[in-house]
N, C-alpha and C. Protein backbone atom coordinates (compact mmCIF):
# COMPACT_ATOMS: atom_id res chain seq x y z
N MET A 1 249.96 145.74 -35.33
CA MET A 1 249.60 144.55 -34.32
C MET A 1 250.85 143.94 -33.68
N GLU A 2 250.77 143.80 -32.43
CA GLU A 2 252.06 143.17 -31.81
C GLU A 2 252.05 141.92 -31.79
N ASP A 3 250.72 141.08 -31.61
CA ASP A 3 251.04 139.68 -31.81
C ASP A 3 249.84 139.22 -32.66
N PRO A 4 250.32 139.14 -33.99
CA PRO A 4 249.31 138.73 -34.94
C PRO A 4 248.74 137.27 -34.81
N ARG A 5 249.66 136.29 -34.08
CA ARG A 5 249.36 134.86 -33.90
C ARG A 5 248.20 134.85 -33.20
N LYS A 6 247.91 135.66 -31.80
CA LYS A 6 246.90 135.83 -31.05
C LYS A 6 245.78 136.09 -31.65
N PHE A 7 245.91 137.47 -32.45
CA PHE A 7 244.67 137.77 -33.54
C PHE A 7 243.92 136.87 -34.39
N PHE A 8 244.84 136.16 -35.09
CA PHE A 8 244.46 135.29 -36.11
C PHE A 8 243.78 133.88 -35.48
N ALA A 9 244.24 133.59 -34.43
CA ALA A 9 243.89 132.44 -33.44
C ALA A 9 242.40 132.78 -33.05
N HIS A 10 242.05 133.99 -32.65
CA HIS A 10 240.97 134.17 -32.22
C HIS A 10 240.04 134.40 -33.37
N ALA A 11 240.55 135.01 -34.40
CA ALA A 11 239.89 135.34 -35.46
C ALA A 11 239.12 134.02 -36.21
N ALA A 12 240.15 132.75 -36.09
CA ALA A 12 239.95 131.33 -36.50
C ALA A 12 238.61 130.84 -35.86
N LYS A 13 238.67 131.18 -34.42
CA LYS A 13 237.75 130.64 -33.44
C LYS A 13 236.49 131.31 -33.48
N ALA A 14 236.65 132.53 -34.34
CA ALA A 14 235.12 133.41 -33.99
C ALA A 14 233.94 132.91 -35.06
N ASN A 15 234.26 131.90 -35.86
CA ASN A 15 233.23 131.51 -36.70
C ASN A 15 232.76 132.29 -37.58
N LEU A 16 233.55 133.24 -38.28
CA LEU A 16 233.25 134.39 -39.31
C LEU A 16 232.77 133.81 -40.37
N THR A 17 231.79 134.37 -41.15
CA THR A 17 231.42 133.85 -42.49
C THR A 17 232.38 134.57 -43.61
N GLY A 18 232.02 134.05 -44.53
CA GLY A 18 232.95 134.14 -45.72
C GLY A 18 233.04 135.80 -46.02
N GLU A 19 231.81 136.61 -46.00
CA GLU A 19 231.82 138.19 -46.07
C GLU A 19 232.50 138.74 -45.30
N GLN A 20 232.45 138.32 -43.78
CA GLN A 20 233.25 138.82 -42.56
C GLN A 20 234.57 138.60 -42.93
N CYS A 21 235.06 137.51 -43.19
CA CYS A 21 236.59 137.56 -43.55
C CYS A 21 236.98 138.08 -44.47
N ARG A 22 236.34 138.42 -45.59
CA ARG A 22 236.54 139.30 -46.82
C ARG A 22 236.93 140.86 -46.33
N VAL A 23 235.83 141.07 -45.39
CA VAL A 23 235.88 142.52 -45.01
C VAL A 23 237.16 142.77 -44.05
N LEU A 24 237.06 141.85 -43.11
CA LEU A 24 238.30 141.85 -42.38
C LEU A 24 239.71 141.79 -42.89
N PHE A 25 239.84 141.02 -43.97
CA PHE A 25 241.37 141.15 -44.70
C PHE A 25 241.38 142.54 -45.36
N CYS A 26 240.34 143.04 -45.97
CA CYS A 26 240.27 144.24 -46.50
C CYS A 26 240.74 145.40 -45.54
N LEU A 27 240.09 145.31 -44.41
CA LEU A 27 240.43 146.16 -43.35
C LEU A 27 241.76 146.12 -42.95
N LEU A 28 242.24 144.88 -42.68
CA LEU A 28 243.55 144.69 -42.19
C LEU A 28 244.67 145.22 -43.31
N SER A 29 244.37 145.26 -44.46
CA SER A 29 245.36 145.75 -45.66
C SER A 29 245.61 147.36 -45.34
N GLU A 30 244.56 147.95 -44.68
CA GLU A 30 244.69 149.40 -44.44
C GLU A 30 245.14 149.82 -43.05
N GLU A 31 245.57 148.77 -42.34
CA GLU A 31 246.01 148.81 -40.75
C GLU A 31 247.23 149.39 -40.67
N ARG A 32 247.51 150.38 -39.92
CA ARG A 32 248.60 151.10 -39.78
C ARG A 32 248.67 151.42 -38.24
N ASP A 33 249.63 151.00 -37.39
CA ASP A 33 249.79 150.74 -36.04
C ASP A 33 248.55 150.77 -35.38
N ARG A 34 247.88 149.69 -35.62
CA ARG A 34 246.61 149.28 -35.22
C ARG A 34 245.32 150.06 -35.52
N ASP A 35 245.56 151.10 -35.96
CA ASP A 35 244.31 152.02 -36.61
C ASP A 35 244.06 151.72 -37.94
N ILE A 36 242.81 151.70 -38.47
CA ILE A 36 242.29 151.33 -39.86
C ILE A 36 241.29 152.52 -40.18
N SER A 37 241.77 152.97 -41.15
CA SER A 37 241.04 154.58 -41.58
C SER A 37 240.49 154.30 -42.92
N ILE A 38 239.34 153.54 -43.20
CA ILE A 38 238.69 153.54 -44.36
C ILE A 38 237.14 153.63 -44.28
N ARG A 39 236.53 154.15 -45.19
CA ARG A 39 234.95 154.28 -45.16
C ARG A 39 234.57 152.96 -45.62
N GLN A 40 233.18 152.58 -45.25
CA GLN A 40 232.83 151.42 -45.39
C GLN A 40 232.20 151.34 -46.77
N ASN A 41 231.87 152.65 -47.37
CA ASN A 41 231.58 152.47 -48.80
C ASN A 41 232.76 152.23 -49.78
N GLU A 42 233.74 152.62 -49.22
CA GLU A 42 235.32 152.30 -49.95
C GLU A 42 235.32 150.61 -49.93
N VAL A 43 235.21 150.04 -48.83
CA VAL A 43 235.31 148.71 -48.66
C VAL A 43 234.29 147.99 -49.40
N ALA A 44 233.16 148.48 -49.58
CA ALA A 44 232.02 147.96 -50.38
C ALA A 44 232.39 147.93 -51.92
N GLU A 45 232.99 148.97 -52.28
CA GLU A 45 233.32 149.32 -53.65
C GLU A 45 234.40 148.10 -54.15
N ILE A 46 235.49 148.19 -53.19
CA ILE A 46 236.71 147.16 -53.19
C ILE A 46 236.39 145.89 -53.45
N LEU A 47 235.34 145.37 -52.61
CA LEU A 47 234.86 144.19 -52.46
C LEU A 47 233.82 143.59 -53.41
N GLY A 48 233.11 144.87 -53.86
CA GLY A 48 231.84 144.49 -54.71
C GLY A 48 230.80 144.07 -53.60
N MET A 49 230.49 144.73 -52.63
CA MET A 49 229.50 144.34 -51.67
C MET A 49 228.50 145.61 -51.59
N THR A 50 227.66 145.25 -50.92
CA THR A 50 226.61 146.54 -50.49
C THR A 50 227.25 146.96 -49.42
N GLU A 51 226.87 148.31 -49.10
CA GLU A 51 227.30 149.00 -48.03
C GLU A 51 226.49 148.19 -46.72
N SER A 52 225.46 148.10 -46.81
CA SER A 52 224.75 147.42 -45.51
C SER A 52 225.50 146.08 -45.39
N ASN A 53 225.80 145.21 -46.21
CA ASN A 53 226.46 143.94 -45.92
C ASN A 53 227.78 144.26 -45.06
N VAL A 54 228.56 145.44 -45.75
CA VAL A 54 229.89 145.69 -44.96
C VAL A 54 229.62 146.25 -43.59
N SER A 55 228.56 146.91 -43.30
CA SER A 55 228.16 147.37 -42.11
C SER A 55 227.88 146.22 -41.02
N ARG A 56 227.25 145.41 -41.78
CA ARG A 56 226.82 144.31 -40.57
C ARG A 56 228.04 143.28 -40.35
N ALA A 57 229.06 143.17 -41.58
CA ALA A 57 230.29 142.47 -41.04
C ALA A 57 230.99 143.25 -40.06
N VAL A 58 231.21 144.50 -40.30
CA VAL A 58 231.97 145.20 -39.16
C VAL A 58 231.54 145.20 -37.92
N ARG A 59 230.14 145.43 -37.64
CA ARG A 59 229.30 145.11 -36.52
C ARG A 59 229.65 143.87 -35.91
N ALA A 60 229.81 142.47 -36.74
CA ALA A 60 230.14 141.11 -36.31
C ALA A 60 231.55 141.20 -35.77
N LEU A 61 232.36 141.84 -36.44
CA LEU A 61 233.74 141.84 -36.18
C LEU A 61 234.03 142.57 -34.80
N LYS A 62 233.32 143.59 -34.78
CA LYS A 62 233.38 144.23 -33.42
C LYS A 62 233.13 143.40 -32.29
N GLU A 63 231.72 142.52 -32.50
CA GLU A 63 231.10 142.00 -31.64
C GLU A 63 232.06 140.77 -31.26
N ALA A 64 232.82 140.30 -32.28
CA ALA A 64 233.68 139.05 -31.92
C ALA A 64 234.96 139.65 -31.11
N GLY A 65 235.06 140.69 -31.04
CA GLY A 65 236.28 141.32 -30.21
C GLY A 65 237.48 141.26 -31.10
N LEU A 66 237.36 141.61 -32.55
CA LEU A 66 238.35 141.75 -33.22
C LEU A 66 238.75 143.20 -33.42
N LEU A 67 237.75 143.87 -33.57
CA LEU A 67 238.10 145.23 -33.98
C LEU A 67 237.32 146.25 -32.69
N SER A 68 237.58 147.48 -32.61
CA SER A 68 236.95 148.50 -31.71
C SER A 68 236.90 149.66 -32.46
N LYS A 69 235.96 150.62 -32.14
CA LYS A 69 235.77 151.75 -32.67
C LYS A 69 236.67 152.80 -31.76
N LYS A 70 237.58 153.67 -32.60
CA LYS A 70 238.10 154.58 -32.14
C LYS A 70 237.41 155.93 -31.88
N ASP A 71 237.70 156.63 -30.78
CA ASP A 71 237.11 157.94 -30.42
C ASP A 71 237.10 158.76 -31.42
N ALA A 72 238.39 159.03 -31.87
CA ALA A 72 238.66 160.21 -32.76
C ALA A 72 238.26 159.86 -34.33
N ASP A 73 237.97 160.93 -34.86
CA ASP A 73 237.97 160.81 -36.26
C ASP A 73 239.22 160.43 -37.13
N GLY A 74 239.46 159.97 -38.12
CA GLY A 74 240.83 159.89 -38.69
C GLY A 74 241.05 160.82 -39.83
N TYR A 75 241.85 160.74 -40.84
CA TYR A 75 242.11 161.56 -41.72
C TYR A 75 240.92 161.85 -42.73
N ALA A 76 240.68 162.99 -42.97
CA ALA A 76 239.57 163.56 -43.83
C ALA A 76 238.14 163.16 -43.30
N GLY A 77 238.18 162.96 -41.90
CA GLY A 77 236.88 162.65 -41.53
C GLY A 77 236.58 161.25 -41.53
N LYS A 78 237.19 160.54 -41.84
CA LYS A 78 237.07 158.90 -42.07
C LYS A 78 237.02 158.41 -40.78
N PRO A 79 236.06 157.46 -40.37
CA PRO A 79 235.82 156.93 -39.31
C PRO A 79 237.02 155.94 -38.94
N VAL A 80 237.56 155.82 -37.78
CA VAL A 80 238.68 154.97 -37.21
C VAL A 80 238.35 153.94 -36.60
N LEU A 81 238.65 152.71 -37.16
CA LEU A 81 238.37 151.38 -36.30
C LEU A 81 239.96 151.02 -35.90
N MET A 82 240.11 150.09 -35.03
CA MET A 82 241.13 149.83 -34.47
C MET A 82 241.43 148.13 -34.43
N ILE A 83 242.42 147.69 -34.29
CA ILE A 83 242.71 146.25 -33.80
C ILE A 83 242.45 146.17 -32.41
N ASP A 84 241.74 145.40 -32.05
CA ASP A 84 241.08 145.47 -30.59
C ASP A 84 242.55 145.36 -29.76
N LYS A 85 242.48 145.94 -28.60
CA LYS A 85 243.52 146.21 -27.55
C LYS A 85 243.91 144.71 -27.00
N ALA A 86 243.47 143.95 -27.20
CA ALA A 86 243.85 142.68 -26.63
C ALA A 86 244.96 142.15 -27.66
N PHE A 87 244.97 142.60 -28.65
CA PHE A 87 245.80 142.14 -29.70
C PHE A 87 247.24 143.16 -30.04
N GLY A 88 247.12 144.37 -29.12
CA GLY A 88 248.10 145.34 -29.54
C GLY A 88 248.64 145.71 -28.19
N SER A 89 249.08 147.03 -28.20
CA SER A 89 249.81 147.57 -26.90
C SER A 89 248.73 148.13 -26.25
N GLY A 90 248.73 148.23 -25.01
CA GLY A 90 247.63 148.77 -24.07
C GLY A 90 247.23 147.51 -23.10
N PRO A 91 246.27 147.95 -22.19
CA PRO A 91 245.67 146.99 -21.13
C PRO A 91 244.91 145.70 -21.98
N VAL A 92 245.13 144.55 -21.52
CA VAL A 92 244.66 143.41 -22.22
C VAL A 92 243.16 143.10 -21.33
N ASP A 93 242.23 142.91 -22.22
CA ASP A 93 240.90 142.60 -21.78
C ASP A 93 240.73 141.25 -21.83
N SER A 94 240.84 140.34 -20.80
CA SER A 94 240.99 138.87 -20.88
C SER A 94 239.77 137.94 -21.63
N LYS A 95 238.65 138.88 -21.82
CA LYS A 95 237.67 138.16 -22.24
C LYS A 95 237.90 138.09 -23.88
N HIS A 96 238.85 138.64 -24.55
CA HIS A 96 239.18 138.54 -25.80
C HIS A 96 240.18 137.71 -26.08
N LEU A 97 240.64 136.97 -25.05
CA LEU A 97 242.13 136.14 -25.30
C LEU A 97 241.60 134.95 -25.72
N VAL A 98 242.41 133.98 -26.46
CA VAL A 98 241.78 132.93 -26.79
C VAL A 98 242.39 131.58 -25.79
């Protein structure tokens, strides 16, 4: 993540729930060069949450403009999320800026 200050400022203004924050921090602990490759059932197990709650939290994080789904599958077929391009290299979409 090139500019974590922008990312966390945006996250702070997104009115995330406690569960959404927990999922976000778990996902960020797996982030490498903006890519996040971990299965939702693994996140659920780590956090002691149901998979459906993790899924809802991930959807909310995408809707908040914090995460995006990457087109390609990751290592061992794991889906890959990524830190939204507004907070890393690549073209910036101004709707996500604070």
